[in-house]
Amino acid sequence: MAVARTPRGTWIDEGLRALAAGGPEAVRIETLAQALGVSKGGFYGYFASREALLAEMLDRWERDVTEAVIDEVDSGGGDGRARLERLFAIVATSGDGSVRGTTVDLAIREWARRDETVAERLRRVDNRRMAYLRTLFASFCPDPDDVEVRCMVTFSVRIGTHFIAADHDGRSRPEVLALTRKWLLR
């Protein structure tokens, strides 16, 4: 009986989990193999090096948080507000265990602080995300300054809410986020 190989995507997924948990230093071939319950020999059937895996992890993240999300949002049709509602729902249900989750995003942001190549990739991804938000908000906001502010608030809430420990004066965090969505879509 032939031994089944661990799929390439499984290595990438495990690498992203390790990245989220401990940064790029935690993405080690032997550690990934142990987590997957396989030998590290299978790794080299797919990747020439650890650096090749890291590059493919960034490729997967970029694709999953930009074009895949945009395609999912756009596939439902509707006007800008409807698409933003769909985008907000997708983001809200993107658990931290997924590539779309905030944990991976934050780990890549931290990595980008120390690696210019990763910083360039992050800038490209952030610019793509902002450009898409601009098209959605511009569909119902005629003022370019208003559009830019809404985009910045939307993006800042997505990234920053995980760092804010403040109470909300009798409101829950989900209630405040719902109020924020309502304000952004007015």
Protein backbone atom coordinates (compact mmCIF):
# COMPACT_ATOMS: atom_id res chain seq x y z
CA MET A 1 0.00 0.00 0.00
CA ALA A 2 1.35 3.42 -0.97
CA VAL A 3 1.86 6.03 1.71
CA ALA A 4 -0.27 9.12 1.14
CA ARG A 5 1.69 12.34 0.91
CA THR A 6 0.78 15.32 3.00
CA PRO A 7 -0.72 17.80 0.53
CA ARG A 8 1.21 20.98 -0.29
CA GLY A 9 -1.64 23.14 1.02
CA THR A 10 -1.50 21.38 4.38
CA TRP A 11 2.13 22.44 4.80
CA ILE A 12 1.17 26.01 3.91
CA ASP A 13 -1.78 25.96 6.32
CA GLU A 14 0.42 24.65 9.12
CA GLY A 15 3.04 27.26 8.30
CA LEU A 16 0.42 30.00 8.59
CA ARG A 17 -0.73 28.59 11.94
CA ALA A 18 2.86 28.61 13.17
CA LEU A 19 3.35 32.15 11.87
CA ALA A 20 0.24 33.34 13.70
CA ALA A 21 1.36 31.66 16.91
CA GLY A 22 5.00 32.68 16.95
CA GLY A 23 6.01 34.78 13.98
CA PRO A 24 8.25 33.73 11.09
CA GLU A 25 10.82 32.27 13.49
CA ALA A 26 8.24 29.65 14.49
CA VAL A 27 7.94 28.41 10.90
CA ARG A 28 10.45 25.56 11.08
CA ILE A 29 10.29 22.49 8.86
CA GLU A 30 10.85 20.00 11.68
CA THR A 31 8.27 21.69 13.89
CA LEU A 32 5.71 21.73 11.08
CA ALA A 33 6.35 18.05 10.34
CA GLN A 34 5.84 17.20 14.04
CA ALA A 35 2.60 19.17 14.15
CA LEU A 36 1.39 17.33 11.04
CA GLY A 37 2.55 13.97 12.35
CA VAL A 38 4.76 13.30 9.32
CA SER A 39 8.45 13.19 8.51
CA LYS A 40 10.08 16.33 7.21
CA GLY A 41 11.20 14.50 4.05
CA GLY A 42 7.80 15.10 2.44
CA PHE A 43 8.32 18.83 2.77
CA TYR A 44 11.15 18.78 0.23
CA GLY A 45 8.91 17.14 -2.35
CA TYR A 46 7.04 20.43 -2.53
CA PHE A 47 9.42 23.14 -1.40
CA ALA A 48 13.07 23.74 -2.17
CA SER A 49 13.61 25.54 1.12
CA ARG A 50 11.99 27.16 4.12
CA GLU A 51 12.14 30.47 2.22
CA ALA A 52 10.08 28.93 -0.59
CA LEU A 53 7.44 27.90 1.95
CA LEU A 54 7.42 31.39 3.48
CA ALA A 55 6.90 32.92 0.01
CA GLU A 56 4.00 30.56 -0.72
CA MET A 57 2.48 31.33 2.68
CA LEU A 58 2.51 35.02 1.76
CA ASP A 59 1.06 34.21 -1.67
CA ARG A 60 -1.80 32.26 -0.08
CA TRP A 61 -2.48 35.00 2.47
CA GLU A 62 -2.45 37.72 -0.20
CA ARG A 63 -4.81 35.79 -2.48
CA ASP A 64 -7.20 34.81 0.34
CA VAL A 65 -7.48 38.29 1.89
CA THR A 66 -7.78 40.25 -1.34
CA GLU A 67 -9.02 38.69 -4.56
CA ALA A 68 -10.85 35.77 -2.91
CA VAL A 69 -12.71 38.11 -0.55
CA ILE A 70 -13.47 40.58 -3.34
CA ASP A 71 -14.76 37.77 -5.56
CA GLU A 72 -16.96 36.47 -2.73
CA VAL A 73 -18.35 39.93 -1.98
CA ASP A 74 -18.97 40.76 -5.64
CA SER A 75 -20.53 37.39 -6.45
CA GLY A 76 -23.60 38.32 -4.40
CA GLY A 77 -24.26 41.43 -6.46
CA GLY A 78 -26.07 44.46 -5.13
CA ASP A 79 -25.10 48.06 -4.61
CA GLY A 80 -22.15 49.37 -2.60
CA ARG A 81 -23.97 49.19 0.72
CA ALA A 82 -25.08 45.59 0.11
CA ARG A 83 -21.52 44.62 -0.82
CA LEU A 84 -20.13 46.35 2.25
CA GLU A 85 -22.65 44.50 4.43
CA ARG A 86 -21.47 41.25 2.84
CA LEU A 87 -17.83 42.24 3.34
CA PHE A 88 -18.45 43.06 7.00
CA ALA A 89 -20.18 39.69 7.46
CA ILE A 90 -17.28 37.83 5.84
CA VAL A 91 -14.77 39.63 8.01
CA ALA A 92 -16.85 39.02 11.15
CA THR A 93 -16.99 35.28 10.48
CA SER A 94 -13.31 34.93 9.56
CA GLY A 95 -12.10 33.14 12.64
CA ASP A 96 -8.59 33.63 13.93
CA GLY A 97 -7.79 30.07 12.89
CA SER A 98 -8.16 30.96 9.21
CA VAL A 99 -5.91 32.76 6.77
CA ARG A 100 -8.48 35.56 6.72
CA GLY A 101 -8.39 35.85 10.50
CA THR A 102 -6.81 38.79 12.22
CA THR A 103 -4.13 36.70 13.93
CA VAL A 104 -2.37 35.89 10.65
CA ASP A 105 -2.79 39.49 9.49
CA LEU A 106 -1.22 40.82 12.68
CA ALA A 107 1.64 38.32 12.48
CA ILE A 108 2.41 39.45 8.93
CA ARG A 109 2.27 43.09 10.04
CA GLU A 110 4.78 42.37 12.79
CA TRP A 111 6.99 40.46 10.36
CA ALA A 112 6.83 43.39 7.92
CA ARG A 113 8.35 45.64 10.57
CA ARG A 114 11.58 43.62 10.26
CA ASP A 115 11.55 42.51 6.62
CA GLU A 116 11.31 45.00 3.75
CA THR A 117 10.16 42.36 1.25
CA VAL A 118 7.25 41.45 3.51
CA ALA A 119 6.59 45.16 4.10
CA GLU A 120 6.29 45.71 0.34
CA ARG A 121 3.85 42.80 0.08
CA LEU A 122 1.81 44.15 3.00
CA ARG A 123 1.70 47.60 1.40
CA ARG A 124 0.42 46.06 -1.85
CA VAL A 125 -2.26 44.08 0.01
CA ASP A 126 -3.34 47.07 2.09
CA ASN A 127 -3.48 49.26 -1.02
CA ARG A 128 -5.63 46.67 -2.80
CA ARG A 129 -7.97 46.44 0.18
CA MET A 130 -8.26 50.23 0.43
CA ALA A 131 -8.83 50.60 -3.32
CA TYR A 132 -11.70 48.12 -3.12
CA LEU A 133 -13.21 49.89 -0.11
CA ARG A 134 -12.99 53.18 -2.01
CA THR A 135 -15.03 51.77 -4.89
CA LEU A 136 -17.71 50.52 -2.52
CA PHE A 137 -18.00 53.69 -0.45
CA ALA A 138 -17.75 55.94 -3.52
CA SER A 139 -20.87 54.28 -4.92
CA PHE A 140 -22.96 56.15 -2.33
CA CYS A 141 -20.64 58.85 -0.94
CA PRO A 142 -20.03 61.68 -3.42
CA ASP A 143 -17.36 63.39 -1.26
CA PRO A 144 -13.87 61.88 -1.81
CA ASP A 145 -12.79 63.05 1.66
CA ASP A 146 -15.77 61.24 3.22
CA VAL A 147 -14.89 58.12 1.23
CA GLU A 148 -11.31 58.20 2.45
CA VAL A 149 -12.35 58.67 6.08
CA ARG A 150 -14.82 55.79 5.90
CA CYS A 151 -12.16 53.56 4.35
CA MET A 152 -9.65 54.46 7.03
CA VAL A 153 -12.16 53.90 9.84
CA THR A 154 -13.23 50.57 8.35
CA PHE A 155 -9.67 49.35 7.99
CA SER A 156 -8.64 50.70 11.41
CA VAL A 157 -11.54 48.97 13.13
CA ARG A 158 -10.64 45.68 11.44
CA ILE A 159 -7.04 45.80 12.62
CA GLY A 160 -7.26 47.89 15.77
CA THR A 161 -10.28 46.47 17.58
CA HIS A 162 -8.14 43.53 18.71
CA PHE A 163 -5.81 45.87 20.57
CA ILE A 164 -8.45 47.90 22.37
CA ALA A 165 -9.34 46.68 25.85
CA ALA A 166 -11.65 49.58 26.77
CA ASP A 167 -15.19 49.12 27.98
CA HIS A 168 -17.94 50.80 25.99
CA ASP A 169 -20.02 52.61 28.62
CA GLY A 170 -22.67 49.93 29.07
CA ARG A 171 -22.46 48.55 25.54
CA SER A 172 -20.86 45.32 24.43
CA ARG A 173 -18.13 45.24 21.80
CA PRO A 174 -20.50 43.60 19.27
CA GLU A 175 -23.05 46.37 19.91
CA VAL A 176 -20.44 49.06 19.29
CA LEU A 177 -19.25 47.32 16.13
CA ALA A 178 -22.86 47.15 14.91
CA LEU A 179 -23.21 50.89 15.58
CA THR A 180 -19.96 51.49 13.68
CA ARG A 181 -21.23 49.51 10.68
CA LYS A 182 -24.50 51.49 10.75
CA TRP A 183 -22.58 54.78 10.85
CA LEU A 184 -20.26 53.74 8.01
CA LEU A 185 -23.21 52.77 5.80
CA ARG A 186 -25.30 55.91 6.39
